[in-house]
Structures are given as C-alpha cells and as structure tokens.
C-alpha atoms as a PDB file:
ATOM      1  CA  UNK A   1       4.390  -7.330  26.592  1.00  0.00           C
ATOM      2  CA  UNK A   2       0.890  -7.647  25.172  1.00  0.00           C
ATOM      3  CA  UNK A   3       0.439  -3.858  25.313  1.00  0.00           C
ATOM      4  CA  UNK A   4       3.632  -3.336  23.297  1.00  0.00           C
ATOM      5  CA  UNK A   5       2.348  -5.718  20.632  1.00  0.00           C
ATOM      6  CA  UNK A   6      -0.911  -3.794  20.394  1.00  0.00           C
ATOM      7  CA  UNK A   7       0.932  -0.478  20.065  1.00  0.00           C
ATOM      8  CA  UNK A   8       3.146  -1.912  17.307  1.00  0.00           C
ATOM      9  CA  UNK A   9       0.089  -3.254  15.521  1.00  0.00           C
ATOM     10  CA  UNK A  10      -1.779   0.048  15.791  1.00  0.00           C
ATOM     11  CA  UNK A  11       1.179   2.042  14.477  1.00  0.00           C
ATOM     12  CA  UNK A  12       1.946  -0.199  11.513  1.00  0.00           C
ATOM     13  CA  UNK A  13      -1.673  -0.808  10.605  1.00  0.00           C
ATOM     14  CA  UNK A  14      -2.434   2.904  10.716  1.00  0.00           C
ATOM     15  CA  UNK A  15       0.375   3.475   8.205  1.00  0.00           C
ATOM     16  CA  UNK A  16      -1.071   0.797   5.928  1.00  0.00           C
ATOM     17  CA  UNK A  17      -4.620   2.141   6.280  1.00  0.00           C
ATOM     18  CA  UNK A  18      -3.406   5.646   5.471  1.00  0.00           C
ATOM     19  CA  UNK A  19      -1.698   4.416   2.319  1.00  0.00           C
ATOM     20  CA  UNK A  20      -4.761   2.354   1.400  1.00  0.00           C
ATOM     21  CA  UNK A  21      -6.931   5.461   1.548  1.00  0.00           C
ATOM     22  CA  UNK A  22      -4.398   7.444  -0.494  1.00  0.00           C
ATOM     23  CA  UNK A  23      -4.230   4.717  -3.132  1.00  0.00           C
ATOM     24  CA  UNK A  24      -8.015   4.440  -3.377  1.00  0.00           C
ATOM     25  CA  UNK A  25      -8.316   8.215  -3.764  1.00  0.00           C
ATOM     26  CA  UNK A  26      -5.604   8.073  -6.427  1.00  0.00           C
ATOM     27  CA  UNK A  27      -7.563   5.439  -8.365  1.00  0.00           C
ATOM     28  CA  UNK A  28     -10.699   7.575  -8.212  1.00  0.00           C
ATOM     29  CA  UNK A  29      -8.801  10.654  -9.365  1.00  0.00           C
ATOM     30  CA  UNK A  30      -7.138   8.743 -12.213  1.00  0.00           C
ATOM     31  CA  UNK A  31     -10.543   7.583 -13.402  1.00  0.00           C
ATOM     32  CA  UNK A  32     -12.157  11.017 -13.145  1.00  0.00           C
ATOM     33  CA  UNK A  33      -9.345  13.232 -14.470  1.00  0.00           C
ATOM     34  CA  UNK A  34      -6.927  11.167 -16.579  1.00  0.00           C
ATOM     35  CA  UNK A  35      -5.419  14.291 -18.181  1.00  0.00           C
ATOM     36  CA  UNK A  36      -3.608  15.078 -14.895  1.00  0.00           C
ATOM     37  CA  UNK A  37      -1.566  11.871 -15.096  1.00  0.00           C
ATOM     38  CA  UNK A  38       0.099  12.290 -18.522  1.00  0.00           C
ATOM     39  CA  UNK A  39      -0.623   8.725 -19.613  1.00  0.00           C
ATOM     40  CA  UNK A  40       1.429   7.622 -22.603  1.00  0.00           C
ATOM     41  CA  UNK A  41       4.488   9.744 -21.847  1.00  0.00           C
ATOM     42  CA  UNK A  42       7.775   7.936 -22.429  1.00  0.00           C
ATOM     43  CA  UNK A  43       9.438   9.842 -19.580  1.00  0.00           C
ATOM     44  CA  UNK A  44       7.072   8.345 -17.002  1.00  0.00           C
ATOM     45  CA  UNK A  45       7.422   4.884 -15.424  1.00  0.00           C
ATOM     46  CA  UNK A  46       6.020   1.852 -17.252  1.00  0.00           C
ATOM     47  CA  UNK A  47       2.770   1.744 -15.297  1.00  0.00           C
ATOM     48  CA  UNK A  48       1.899   5.272 -16.507  1.00  0.00           C
ATOM     49  CA  UNK A  49       1.838   4.203 -20.163  1.00  0.00           C
ATOM     50  CA  UNK A  50      -1.927   3.590 -20.190  1.00  0.00           C
ATOM     51  CA  UNK A  51      -4.757   4.326 -17.804  1.00  0.00           C
ATOM     52  CA  UNK A  52      -5.708   0.646 -17.565  1.00  0.00           C
ATOM     53  CA  UNK A  53      -2.156  -0.401 -16.678  1.00  0.00           C
ATOM     54  CA  UNK A  54      -1.989   2.296 -14.015  1.00  0.00           C
ATOM     55  CA  UNK A  55      -5.310   1.263 -12.457  1.00  0.00           C
ATOM     56  CA  UNK A  56      -4.213  -2.389 -12.479  1.00  0.00           C
ATOM     57  CA  UNK A  57      -0.859  -1.651 -10.806  1.00  0.00           C
ATOM     58  CA  UNK A  58      -2.460   0.555  -8.161  1.00  0.00           C
ATOM     59  CA  UNK A  59      -5.106  -2.116  -7.511  1.00  0.00           C
ATOM     60  CA  UNK A  60      -2.319  -4.634  -6.926  1.00  0.00           C
ATOM     61  CA  UNK A  61      -0.856  -2.162  -4.445  1.00  0.00           C
ATOM     62  CA  UNK A  62      -4.236  -2.084  -2.652  1.00  0.00           C
ATOM     63  CA  UNK A  63      -4.205  -5.868  -2.480  1.00  0.00           C
ATOM     64  CA  UNK A  64      -0.695  -5.744  -1.045  1.00  0.00           C
ATOM     65  CA  UNK A  65      -1.866  -3.378   1.703  1.00  0.00           C
ATOM     66  CA  UNK A  66      -4.867  -5.576   2.557  1.00  0.00           C
ATOM     67  CA  UNK A  67      -2.617  -8.637   2.822  1.00  0.00           C
ATOM     68  CA  UNK A  68      -0.360  -6.646   5.147  1.00  0.00           C
ATOM     69  CA  UNK A  69      -3.293  -5.775   7.369  1.00  0.00           C
ATOM     70  CA  UNK A  70      -4.305  -9.438   7.389  1.00  0.00           C
ATOM     71  CA  UNK A  71      -0.781 -10.343   8.558  1.00  0.00           C
ATOM     72  CA  UNK A  72      -1.151  -7.831  11.368  1.00  0.00           C
ATOM     73  CA  UNK A  73      -4.484  -9.221  12.512  1.00  0.00           C
ATOM     74  CA  UNK A  74      -3.070 -12.750  12.499  1.00  0.00           C
ATOM     75  CA  UNK A  75      -0.029 -11.630  14.471  1.00  0.00           C
ATOM     76  CA  UNK A  76      -2.328 -10.389  17.219  1.00  0.00           C
ATOM     77  CA  UNK A  77      -4.642 -13.398  17.227  1.00  0.00           C
ATOM     78  CA  UNK A  78      -2.223 -16.268  16.761  1.00  0.00           C
ATOM     79  CA  UNK A  79       0.802 -14.748  18.510  1.00  0.00           C
ATOM     80  CA  UNK A  80       2.901 -14.827  15.363  1.00  0.00           C
ATOM     81  CA  UNK A  81       6.137 -12.899  15.684  1.00  0.00           C
ATOM     82  CA  UNK A  82       5.675  -9.196  15.129  1.00  0.00           C
ATOM     83  CA  UNK A  83       8.773  -8.889  12.978  1.00  0.00           C
ATOM     84  CA  UNK A  84       6.939 -10.291   9.933  1.00  0.00           C
ATOM     85  CA  UNK A  85       4.320  -7.543  10.072  1.00  0.00           C
ATOM     86  CA  UNK A  86       6.940  -4.852  10.679  1.00  0.00           C
ATOM     87  CA  UNK A  87       9.136  -6.122   7.829  1.00  0.00           C
ATOM     88  CA  UNK A  88       6.108  -6.319   5.533  1.00  0.00           C
ATOM     89  CA  UNK A  89       5.197  -2.699   6.289  1.00  0.00           C
ATOM     90  CA  UNK A  90       8.812  -1.566   5.902  1.00  0.00           C
ATOM     91  CA  UNK A  91       9.115  -3.286   2.509  1.00  0.00           C
ATOM     92  CA  UNK A  92       5.913  -1.598   1.394  1.00  0.00           C
ATOM     93  CA  UNK A  93       7.178   1.816   2.500  1.00  0.00           C
ATOM     94  CA  UNK A  94      10.496   1.242   0.705  1.00  0.00           C
ATOM     95  CA  UNK A  95       8.592   0.219  -2.426  1.00  0.00           C
ATOM     96  CA  UNK A  96       6.599   3.445  -2.268  1.00  0.00           C
ATOM     97  CA  UNK A  97       9.705   5.519  -1.579  1.00  0.00           C
ATOM     98  CA  UNK A  98      11.733   4.180  -4.498  1.00  0.00           C
ATOM     99  CA  UNK A  99       8.860   3.783  -6.935  1.00  0.00           C
ATOM    100  CA  UNK A 100       7.498   7.333  -6.879  1.00  0.00           C
END
C-alpha cells in the first residue's frame, strides 16, 4: 500500500510542478513582452485588465500550487488520507480548465 501512495504522490506532484513551471514562465514572459497579452482589452477576463493585476493573480496561482505540494508532502509524512491531495490537484486542474 505504501508503494501505491508514493506513485499517487509522484503523479499528482509532477502535475503541480509542471503547472508551477508554466506559471513562472508565464510571469516572466508577461514582464518581458507585455504587448503579447493585450492588457486593457474589455474582451479579456478581469485579470487581464492591467499587467499588475495579471502578475498578482498568477502569483496567487503559484502560491496555490506550492500549498498543494505541501499537502502532498504532509500526506506522505503524516499518513494523511491521499484523497485531500488528489482533490486539491483536481480542483486546481478544473480551475485552470475553466479559467483559460
């Protein structure tokens, strides 16, 4: 059973790490080339209205991913139920799916 828990942790944490890297690269690209993001357009979501608001919302997303990874580490160390980590990752993926 312990091996299954490690496999679940590796799979879900690799998804979160992948998204963390994508989000960090997106922040860097938004800072370097803001003209690609069409900031200020009314047709875009609210967090695209200004560059600062976009960077702040994406930074909050980074924090969300780090908290998810912390949940995963605690689930391995303290034998917390794995469903919390899986649900946390699934909610994050649904947020990404419906938000972009």
